[in-house]
C-alpha atoms as a PDB file:
ATOM      1  CA  MET A   1      14.312  -0.726  -3.202  1.00  0.00           C
ATOM      2  CA  ASN A   2      12.603   2.250  -1.488  1.00  0.00           C
ATOM      3  CA  ILE A   3      10.610   1.085   1.546  1.00  0.00           C
ATOM      4  CA  ASN A   4       8.970   3.565   3.922  1.00  0.00           C
ATOM      5  CA  GLY A   5       9.400   2.776   7.617  1.00  0.00           C
ATOM      6  CA  LEU A   6      12.645   0.778   7.481  1.00  0.00           C
ATOM      7  CA  GLU A   7      14.981   3.593   8.513  1.00  0.00           C
ATOM      8  CA  GLY A   8      17.712   2.355  10.867  1.00  0.00           C
ATOM      9  CA  LYS A   9      16.598  -1.297  11.052  1.00  0.00           C
ATOM     10  CA  SER A  10      19.147  -4.078  10.666  1.00  0.00           C
ATOM     11  CA  ILE A  11      18.341  -7.267   8.775  1.00  0.00           C
ATOM     12  CA  ALA A  12      18.378  -9.251  12.027  1.00  0.00           C
ATOM     13  CA  GLN A  13      15.993  -6.833  13.718  1.00  0.00           C
ATOM     14  CA  LEU A  14      13.735  -6.868  10.655  1.00  0.00           C
ATOM     15  CA  GLU A  15      13.628 -10.681  10.579  1.00  0.00           C
ATOM     16  CA  LEU A  16      12.626 -10.751  14.255  1.00  0.00           C
ATOM     17  CA  GLU A  17       9.832  -8.190  13.655  1.00  0.00           C
ATOM     18  CA  LEU A  18       8.585 -10.099  10.608  1.00  0.00           C
ATOM     19  CA  LYS A  19       8.323 -13.269  12.739  1.00  0.00           C
ATOM     20  CA  HIS A  20       6.219 -11.281  15.220  1.00  0.00           C
ATOM     21  CA  GLY A  21       3.768  -9.922  12.648  1.00  0.00           C
ATOM     22  CA  GLY A  22       5.559  -7.147  10.768  1.00  0.00           C
ATOM     23  CA  ARG A  23       4.386  -6.744   7.174  1.00  0.00           C
ATOM     24  CA  PHE A  24       5.316  -5.031   3.908  1.00  0.00           C
ATOM     25  CA  VAL A  25       2.240  -3.447   2.351  1.00  0.00           C
ATOM     26  CA  VAL A  26       1.365  -1.575  -0.863  1.00  0.00           C
ATOM     27  CA  TYR A  27      -1.685   0.684  -1.191  1.00  0.00           C
ATOM     28  CA  LEU A  28      -3.577   1.703  -4.352  1.00  0.00           C
ATOM     29  CA  TRP A  29      -4.432   5.236  -5.443  1.00  0.00           C
ATOM     30  CA  VAL A  30      -6.641   6.319  -8.343  1.00  0.00           C
ATOM     31  CA  VAL A  31      -6.872   9.614 -10.202  1.00  0.00           C
ATOM     32  CA  SER A  32      -9.211  10.267 -13.134  1.00  0.00           C
ATOM     33  CA  ILE A  33      -9.788  13.031 -15.659  1.00  0.00           C
ATOM     34  CA  LEU A  34     -12.848  12.414 -17.900  1.00  0.00           C
ATOM     35  CA  ILE A  35     -11.797   9.455 -20.057  1.00  0.00           C
ATOM     36  CA  ILE A  36      -8.366   8.888 -18.509  1.00  0.00           C
ATOM     37  CA  THR A  37      -7.905   6.957 -15.276  1.00  0.00           C
ATOM     38  CA  TRP A  38      -4.640   6.143 -13.499  1.00  0.00           C
ATOM     39  CA  LYS A  39      -4.544   3.318 -10.967  1.00  0.00           C
ATOM     40  CA  ARG A  40      -1.146   3.022  -9.322  1.00  0.00           C
ATOM     41  CA  PRO A  41       0.433   1.314  -6.329  1.00  0.00           C
ATOM     42  CA  SER A  42       2.139   3.298  -3.592  1.00  0.00           C
ATOM     43  CA  ALA A  43       5.703   2.757  -2.489  1.00  0.00           C
ATOM     44  CA  ILE A  44       6.180  -0.193  -0.165  1.00  0.00           C
ATOM     45  CA  HIS A  45       5.387   0.536   3.468  1.00  0.00           C
ATOM     46  CA  TYR A  46       6.780  -1.421   6.383  1.00  0.00           C
ATOM     47  CA  ILE A  47       4.179  -1.954   9.088  1.00  0.00           C
ATOM     48  CA  ALA A  48       5.716  -2.989  12.437  1.00  0.00           C
ATOM     49  CA  PRO A  49       4.037  -5.611  14.625  1.00  0.00           C
ATOM     50  CA  GLY A  50       1.013  -4.182  16.426  1.00  0.00           C
ATOM     51  CA  GLN A  51       0.591  -1.184  14.090  1.00  0.00           C
ATOM     52  CA  SER A  52      -2.510  -0.604  12.010  1.00  0.00           C
ATOM     53  CA  ARG A  53      -2.255  -1.485   8.357  1.00  0.00           C
ATOM     54  CA  VAL A  54      -5.203   0.779   7.510  1.00  0.00           C
ATOM     55  CA  MET A  55      -3.882   4.094   8.890  1.00  0.00           C
ATOM     56  CA  PRO A  56      -0.940   4.493   6.427  1.00  0.00           C
ATOM     57  CA  GLY A  57      -3.367   3.888   3.533  1.00  0.00           C
ATOM     58  CA  LEU A  58      -5.787   6.635   4.512  1.00  0.00           C
ATOM     59  CA  MET A  59      -3.981   9.292   2.456  1.00  0.00           C
ATOM     60  CA  PHE A  60      -4.158   7.081  -0.665  1.00  0.00           C
ATOM     61  CA  SER A  61      -7.842   6.354   0.057  1.00  0.00           C
ATOM     62  CA  ALA A  62      -8.593  10.084   0.425  1.00  0.00           C
ATOM     63  CA  VAL A  63      -6.896  10.923  -2.879  1.00  0.00           C
ATOM     64  CA  SER A  64      -8.844   8.135  -4.597  1.00  0.00           C
ATOM     65  CA  ALA A  65     -12.142   9.154  -3.009  1.00  0.00           C
ATOM     66  CA  VAL A  66     -11.763  12.732  -4.217  1.00  0.00           C
ATOM     67  CA  PHE A  67     -10.065  12.333  -7.581  1.00  0.00           C
ATOM     68  CA  GLY A  68     -10.723   8.759  -8.666  1.00  0.00           C
ATOM     69  CA  TRP A  69     -14.437   8.676  -9.514  1.00  0.00           C
ATOM     70  CA  TRP A  70     -14.403  11.022 -12.505  1.00  0.00           C
ATOM     71  CA  GLY A  71     -13.038   8.758 -15.236  1.00  0.00           C
ATOM     72  CA  ILE A  72     -15.502   7.098 -17.613  1.00  0.00           C
ATOM     73  CA  PRO A  73     -15.844   4.100 -17.448  1.00  0.00           C
ATOM     74  CA  TRP A  74     -13.033   2.809 -15.206  1.00  0.00           C
ATOM     75  CA  GLY A  75     -12.821   5.558 -12.583  1.00  0.00           C
ATOM     76  CA  LEU A  76     -15.717   4.260 -10.482  1.00  0.00           C
ATOM     77  CA  PHE A  77     -14.611   0.632 -10.629  1.00  0.00           C
ATOM     78  CA  TYR A  78     -10.939   1.335  -9.852  1.00  0.00           C
ATOM     79  CA  THR A  79     -11.837   3.702  -7.026  1.00  0.00           C
ATOM     80  CA  VAL A  80     -14.079   1.128  -5.339  1.00  0.00           C
ATOM     81  CA  GLU A  81     -11.290  -1.453  -5.774  1.00  0.00           C
ATOM     82  CA  ALA A  82      -8.682   0.879  -4.262  1.00  0.00           C
ATOM     83  CA  LEU A  83     -10.871   1.849  -1.312  1.00  0.00           C
ATOM     84  CA  ALA A  84     -11.728  -1.792  -0.577  1.00  0.00           C
ATOM     85  CA  GLU A  85      -8.085  -2.865  -0.726  1.00  0.00           C
ATOM     86  CA  ASN A  86      -6.808   0.079   1.312  1.00  0.00           C
ATOM     87  CA  PHE A  87      -9.445  -0.262   4.030  1.00  0.00           C
ATOM     88  CA  GLY A  88      -8.709  -3.987   4.067  1.00  0.00           C
ATOM     89  CA  GLY A  89      -5.136  -3.224   5.057  1.00  0.00           C
ATOM     90  CA  GLY A  90      -3.496  -2.891   1.635  1.00  0.00           C
ATOM     91  CA  LYS A  91      -1.839  -5.587  -0.434  1.00  0.00           C
ATOM     92  CA  ASP A  92       0.538  -7.709   1.604  1.00  0.00           C
ATOM     93  CA  VAL A  93       3.815  -8.075  -0.342  1.00  0.00           C
ATOM     94  CA  THR A  94       5.867  -9.404   2.582  1.00  0.00           C
ATOM     95  CA  ALA A  95       6.958 -12.664   0.912  1.00  0.00           C
ATOM     96  CA  GLU A  96       8.250 -10.884  -2.235  1.00  0.00           C
ATOM     97  CA  VAL A  97      10.075  -8.113  -0.359  1.00  0.00           C
ATOM     98  CA  ARG A  98      11.547 -10.520   2.193  1.00  0.00           C
ATOM     99  CA  SER A  99      13.017 -12.738  -0.486  1.00  0.00           C
ATOM    100  CA  ALA A 100      14.406  -9.681  -2.345  1.00  0.00           C
ATOM    101  CA  LEU A 101      16.012  -8.274   0.813  1.00  0.00           C
ATOM    102  CA  LEU A 102      17.636 -11.532   1.807  1.00  0.00           C
ATOM    103  CA  MET A 103      19.200 -12.242  -1.570  1.00  0.00           C
END
């Protein structure tokens, strides 16, 4: 499992940080070309306690804002969905990742 931001952390350290507000988050990005639209999740990002969940998603929001609108009919809808989710802090997948890591 490829998770950005976990480099050098032990399981014990990670558990402690998760108890203090650390989160695993996925962001959406959208790219459209006329009648084709791709809506994809990013890799999983680890957000340490006290860090912004919005900042790591800005790159995905920028890609979506520039390249996502152009697909007919889904580009507009998926782009708005991606921007709303990313500016809301991304999709929290902490429970799923935590259970997978501790297995």
